Amino acid sequence: MAFDSRDPYDAAALYDMWLNCSRCPTTFDFEPGGDINLDYYHRIGQRARAEHWAVLPAPSQGGELVFTILCPVCAARLGVEGVEGRLDGTEPVIDQICEAMLKVS
């Protein structure tokens, strides 16, 4: 399976770069080295899902999509689970990042 901009985990990995917890200083253990491309962000997003990180997309006051990301400890403490569905649509900024990455690859 490939990167899916409508998958909240893939989108958050790309947008947040390496998934930083919104409640504590925990940063997802990203993969150093190797090519940074859409497959990389797909692997990061899906590994975060498997490791019980919570990714919660929500529109901001300006209508832009923002992600609240919680490490497994904070998610458990708050009784929150990640989103298993898909985003209603793709975000223009995520599409723009994807297009730029594809152009340089």
N, C-alpha and C. Protein backbone atom coordinates (compact mmCIF):
# COMPACT_ATOMS: atom_id res chain seq x y z
N MET A 1 0.85 -1.18 0.00
CA MET A 1 0.00 0.00 0.00
C MET A 1 0.89 1.24 0.00
N ALA A 2 0.43 2.28 -0.63
CA ALA A 2 1.20 3.51 -0.79
C ALA A 2 0.63 4.63 0.06
N PHE A 3 1.37 5.73 0.10
CA PHE A 3 0.95 6.92 0.82
C PHE A 3 -0.46 7.31 0.40
N ASP A 4 -1.29 7.63 1.38
CA ASP A 4 -2.67 8.04 1.12
C ASP A 4 -2.92 9.35 1.86
N SER A 5 -3.08 10.43 1.12
CA SER A 5 -3.25 11.75 1.76
C SER A 5 -4.56 11.86 2.53
N ARG A 6 -5.48 10.92 2.32
CA ARG A 6 -6.74 10.92 3.09
C ARG A 6 -6.66 10.05 4.35
N ASP A 7 -5.55 9.33 4.53
CA ASP A 7 -5.34 8.56 5.76
C ASP A 7 -4.78 9.53 6.79
N PRO A 8 -5.46 9.70 7.92
CA PRO A 8 -5.00 10.69 8.90
C PRO A 8 -3.57 10.45 9.38
N TYR A 9 -3.16 9.20 9.48
CA TYR A 9 -1.81 8.90 9.95
C TYR A 9 -0.75 9.26 8.90
N ASP A 10 -1.00 8.93 7.65
CA ASP A 10 -0.07 9.31 6.59
C ASP A 10 0.00 10.83 6.48
N ALA A 11 -1.17 11.47 6.47
CA ALA A 11 -1.22 12.93 6.33
C ALA A 11 -0.52 13.63 7.50
N ALA A 12 -0.75 13.16 8.71
CA ALA A 12 -0.12 13.78 9.88
C ALA A 12 1.39 13.56 9.87
N ALA A 13 1.84 12.38 9.46
CA ALA A 13 3.28 12.12 9.40
C ALA A 13 3.94 13.09 8.42
N LEU A 14 3.31 13.31 7.29
CA LEU A 14 3.86 14.23 6.29
C LEU A 14 3.80 15.67 6.79
N TYR A 15 2.66 16.05 7.34
CA TYR A 15 2.46 17.44 7.74
C TYR A 15 3.25 17.81 9.00
N ASP A 16 3.28 16.88 9.96
CA ASP A 16 3.98 17.14 11.22
C ASP A 16 5.46 16.76 11.12
N MET A 17 5.82 16.11 10.08
CA MET A 17 7.18 15.65 9.76
C MET A 17 7.57 14.38 10.51
N TRP A 18 7.49 14.35 11.83
CA TRP A 18 7.90 13.13 12.54
C TRP A 18 7.00 12.84 13.72
N LEU A 19 5.83 13.35 13.74
CA LEU A 19 4.83 13.09 14.79
C LEU A 19 5.35 13.44 16.19
N ASN A 20 5.03 14.62 16.61
CA ASN A 20 5.38 15.10 17.94
C ASN A 20 4.12 15.13 18.78
N CYS A 21 4.18 14.57 20.00
CA CYS A 21 3.01 14.55 20.88
C CYS A 21 2.59 15.98 21.21
N SER A 22 1.29 16.21 21.15
CA SER A 22 0.75 17.54 21.44
C SER A 22 0.68 17.84 22.93
N ARG A 23 0.86 16.83 23.78
CA ARG A 23 0.73 17.00 25.22
C ARG A 23 2.01 16.87 26.01
N CYS A 24 3.03 16.23 25.43
CA CYS A 24 4.29 16.04 26.15
C CYS A 24 5.43 16.13 25.14
N PRO A 25 6.68 16.07 25.59
CA PRO A 25 7.80 16.22 24.65
C PRO A 25 8.14 14.97 23.82
N THR A 26 7.34 13.93 23.91
CA THR A 26 7.65 12.70 23.19
C THR A 26 7.56 12.92 21.68
N THR A 27 8.57 12.44 20.99
CA THR A 27 8.62 12.48 19.53
C THR A 27 8.65 11.05 19.03
N PHE A 28 7.90 10.78 17.99
CA PHE A 28 7.88 9.45 17.41
C PHE A 28 9.28 9.08 16.95
N ASP A 29 9.67 7.85 17.16
CA ASP A 29 10.99 7.37 16.79
C ASP A 29 11.05 7.17 15.29
N PHE A 30 11.40 8.23 14.58
CA PHE A 30 11.44 8.18 13.13
C PHE A 30 12.63 7.35 12.65
N GLU A 31 12.66 7.07 11.39
CA GLU A 31 13.71 6.24 10.79
C GLU A 31 14.82 7.12 10.25
N PRO A 32 15.96 7.17 10.93
CA PRO A 32 17.06 7.99 10.40
C PRO A 32 17.65 7.35 9.14
N GLY A 33 18.17 8.18 8.28
CA GLY A 33 18.78 7.70 7.05
C GLY A 33 17.74 7.28 6.03
N GLY A 34 18.20 6.96 4.86
CA GLY A 34 17.29 6.54 3.81
C GLY A 34 16.63 7.71 3.11
N ASP A 35 15.88 7.39 2.11
CA ASP A 35 15.20 8.41 1.32
C ASP A 35 13.98 8.97 2.06
N ILE A 36 13.86 10.27 2.04
CA ILE A 36 12.68 10.93 2.59
C ILE A 36 11.74 11.16 1.42
N ASN A 37 10.72 10.33 1.33
CA ASN A 37 9.77 10.42 0.23
C ASN A 37 8.39 10.03 0.76
N LEU A 38 7.42 9.94 -0.10
CA LEU A 38 6.06 9.63 0.35
C LEU A 38 5.97 8.23 0.96
N ASP A 39 6.75 7.27 0.47
CA ASP A 39 6.76 5.94 1.08
C ASP A 39 7.26 6.00 2.52
N TYR A 40 8.25 6.85 2.75
CA TYR A 40 8.78 7.05 4.10
C TYR A 40 7.67 7.52 5.05
N TYR A 41 6.93 8.53 4.63
CA TYR A 41 5.87 9.06 5.50
C TYR A 41 4.73 8.05 5.67
N HIS A 42 4.49 7.25 4.66
CA HIS A 42 3.49 6.18 4.80
C HIS A 42 3.95 5.17 5.86
N ARG A 43 5.22 4.76 5.79
CA ARG A 43 5.74 3.81 6.80
C ARG A 43 5.65 4.39 8.20
N ILE A 44 6.02 5.67 8.35
CA ILE A 44 5.98 6.33 9.66
C ILE A 44 4.53 6.38 10.16
N GLY A 45 3.62 6.81 9.32
CA GLY A 45 2.21 6.91 9.72
C GLY A 45 1.63 5.57 10.13
N GLN A 46 1.91 4.54 9.35
CA GLN A 46 1.33 3.23 9.67
C GLN A 46 1.99 2.59 10.88
N ARG A 47 3.28 2.87 11.07
CA ARG A 47 3.94 2.36 12.28
C ARG A 47 3.40 3.06 13.52
N ALA A 48 3.13 4.37 13.41
CA ALA A 48 2.55 5.11 14.53
C ALA A 48 1.17 4.53 14.88
N ARG A 49 0.38 4.21 13.88
CA ARG A 49 -0.93 3.60 14.10
C ARG A 49 -0.75 2.27 14.84
N ALA A 50 0.15 1.44 14.38
CA ALA A 50 0.39 0.13 14.99
C ALA A 50 0.90 0.24 16.42
N GLU A 51 1.63 1.33 16.71
CA GLU A 51 2.18 1.54 18.05
C GLU A 51 1.25 2.36 18.94
N HIS A 52 0.01 2.55 18.51
CA HIS A 52 -1.06 3.17 19.29
C HIS A 52 -0.89 4.66 19.56
N TRP A 53 -0.26 5.35 18.64
CA TRP A 53 -0.30 6.80 18.69
C TRP A 53 -1.70 7.21 18.24
N ALA A 54 -2.21 8.29 18.79
CA ALA A 54 -3.53 8.79 18.39
C ALA A 54 -3.32 10.01 17.50
N VAL A 55 -3.95 9.98 16.35
CA VAL A 55 -3.93 11.12 15.42
C VAL A 55 -5.37 11.58 15.28
N LEU A 56 -5.61 12.82 15.69
CA LEU A 56 -6.96 13.37 15.69
C LEU A 56 -7.01 14.62 14.82
N PRO A 57 -7.54 14.51 13.63
CA PRO A 57 -7.65 15.67 12.74
C PRO A 57 -8.87 16.51 13.11
N ALA A 58 -8.72 17.82 12.99
CA ALA A 58 -9.84 18.73 13.23
C ALA A 58 -9.58 20.04 12.50
N PRO A 59 -10.62 20.69 12.03
CA PRO A 59 -10.40 21.99 11.38
C PRO A 59 -10.05 23.07 12.41
N SER A 60 -9.15 23.95 12.04
CA SER A 60 -8.81 25.08 12.91
C SER A 60 -9.84 26.18 12.70
N GLN A 61 -9.68 27.28 13.42
CA GLN A 61 -10.61 28.40 13.28
C GLN A 61 -10.60 28.96 11.87
N GLY A 62 -9.46 28.87 11.18
CA GLY A 62 -9.37 29.38 9.82
C GLY A 62 -9.81 28.36 8.78
N GLY A 63 -10.26 27.20 9.24
CA GLY A 63 -10.72 26.18 8.31
C GLY A 63 -9.64 25.21 7.86
N GLU A 64 -8.38 25.51 8.19
CA GLU A 64 -7.27 24.61 7.83
C GLU A 64 -7.30 23.39 8.75
N LEU A 65 -6.91 22.26 8.23
CA LEU A 65 -6.87 21.05 9.03
C LEU A 65 -5.65 21.06 9.93
N VAL A 66 -5.86 20.78 11.20
CA VAL A 66 -4.76 20.65 12.15
C VAL A 66 -4.84 19.25 12.76
N PHE A 67 -3.73 18.76 13.23
CA PHE A 67 -3.68 17.44 13.84
C PHE A 67 -3.29 17.53 15.29
N THR A 68 -4.08 16.92 16.15
CA THR A 68 -3.66 16.71 17.52
C THR A 68 -3.08 15.30 17.54
N ILE A 69 -1.85 15.20 17.96
CA ILE A 69 -1.14 13.93 17.96
C ILE A 69 -0.78 13.59 19.40
N LEU A 70 -1.13 12.39 19.80
CA LEU A 70 -0.86 11.96 21.17
C LEU A 70 -0.03 10.69 21.16
N CYS A 71 1.04 10.68 21.97
CA CYS A 71 1.84 9.47 22.11
C CYS A 71 0.98 8.41 22.82
N PRO A 72 1.37 7.17 22.82
CA PRO A 72 0.55 6.12 23.45
C PRO A 72 0.27 6.38 24.93
N VAL A 73 1.23 6.95 25.66
CA VAL A 73 1.03 7.22 27.09
C VAL A 73 -0.03 8.30 27.29
N CYS A 74 0.08 9.41 26.56
CA CYS A 74 -0.90 10.49 26.69
C CYS A 74 -2.27 10.04 26.18
N ALA A 75 -2.29 9.28 25.09
CA ALA A 75 -3.57 8.79 24.56
C ALA A 75 -4.26 7.91 25.60
N ALA A 76 -3.51 7.02 26.23
CA ALA A 76 -4.10 6.14 27.25
C ALA A 76 -4.56 6.95 28.46
N ARG A 77 -3.74 7.92 28.88
CA ARG A 77 -4.09 8.74 30.04
C ARG A 77 -5.38 9.53 29.79
N LEU A 78 -5.58 9.98 28.55
CA LEU A 78 -6.76 10.77 28.20
C LEU A 78 -7.92 9.92 27.69
N GLY A 79 -7.69 8.61 27.57
CA GLY A 79 -8.75 7.72 27.08
C GLY A 79 -9.10 7.98 25.62
N VAL A 80 -8.08 8.31 24.82
CA VAL A 80 -8.30 8.67 23.42
C VAL A 80 -7.72 7.58 22.52
N GLU A 81 -8.43 7.27 21.46
CA GLU A 81 -7.91 6.38 20.44
C GLU A 81 -7.78 7.16 19.15
N GLY A 82 -6.93 6.68 18.28
CA GLY A 82 -6.73 7.34 17.00
C GLY A 82 -7.92 7.16 16.08
N VAL A 83 -7.91 7.86 14.99
CA VAL A 83 -8.97 7.81 14.00
C VAL A 83 -8.67 6.67 13.03
N GLU A 84 -9.62 5.81 12.81
CA GLU A 84 -9.41 4.71 11.88
C GLU A 84 -10.01 4.99 10.51
N GLY A 85 -10.80 6.02 10.39
CA GLY A 85 -11.41 6.34 9.10
C GLY A 85 -10.48 7.12 8.21
N ARG A 86 -11.06 7.71 7.21
CA ARG A 86 -10.31 8.54 6.28
C ARG A 86 -10.80 9.97 6.39
N LEU A 87 -9.96 10.89 6.01
CA LEU A 87 -10.35 12.29 5.98
C LEU A 87 -11.40 12.48 4.89
N ASP A 88 -12.29 13.42 5.08
CA ASP A 88 -13.35 13.67 4.10
C ASP A 88 -12.79 14.05 2.74
N GLY A 89 -11.70 14.74 2.75
CA GLY A 89 -11.07 15.16 1.50
C GLY A 89 -9.59 15.37 1.75
N THR A 90 -8.88 15.67 0.71
CA THR A 90 -7.47 15.96 0.91
C THR A 90 -7.30 17.44 1.21
N GLU A 91 -6.29 17.73 1.98
CA GLU A 91 -5.99 19.11 2.31
C GLU A 91 -5.10 19.71 1.23
N PRO A 92 -5.39 20.90 0.77
CA PRO A 92 -4.56 21.50 -0.28
C PRO A 92 -3.09 21.56 0.09
N VAL A 93 -2.76 21.89 1.33
CA VAL A 93 -1.35 22.00 1.72
C VAL A 93 -0.67 20.64 1.66
N ILE A 94 -1.36 19.58 2.02
CA ILE A 94 -0.77 18.24 1.95
C ILE A 94 -0.60 17.83 0.50
N ASP A 95 -1.57 18.14 -0.33
CA ASP A 95 -1.43 17.85 -1.76
C ASP A 95 -0.25 18.62 -2.36
N GLN A 96 -0.04 19.86 -1.94
CA GLN A 96 1.06 20.66 -2.45
C GLN A 96 2.40 20.06 -2.03
N ILE A 97 2.50 19.59 -0.79
CA ILE A 97 3.73 18.95 -0.33
C ILE A 97 3.98 17.67 -1.13
N CYS A 98 2.93 16.89 -1.34
CA CYS A 98 3.05 15.65 -2.11
C CYS A 98 3.55 15.95 -3.53
N GLU A 99 2.96 16.93 -4.17
CA GLU A 99 3.36 17.30 -5.53
C GLU A 99 4.82 17.73 -5.57
N ALA A 100 5.24 18.53 -4.59
CA ALA A 100 6.62 18.99 -4.54
C ALA A 100 7.58 17.81 -4.35
N MET A 101 7.19 16.88 -3.49
CA MET A 101 8.07 15.72 -3.24
C MET A 101 8.16 14.85 -4.49
N LEU A 102 7.07 14.69 -5.19
CA LEU A 102 7.09 13.89 -6.41
C LEU A 102 7.95 14.54 -7.50
N LYS A 103 7.95 15.86 -7.55
CA LYS A 103 8.74 16.56 -8.56
C LYS A 103 10.24 16.38 -8.35
N VAL A 104 10.66 16.31 -7.09
CA VAL A 104 12.10 16.19 -6.81
C VAL A 104 12.58 14.74 -6.76
N SER A 105 11.66 13.81 -6.81
CA SER A 105 12.09 12.40 -6.74
C SER A 105 12.43 11.83 -8.10
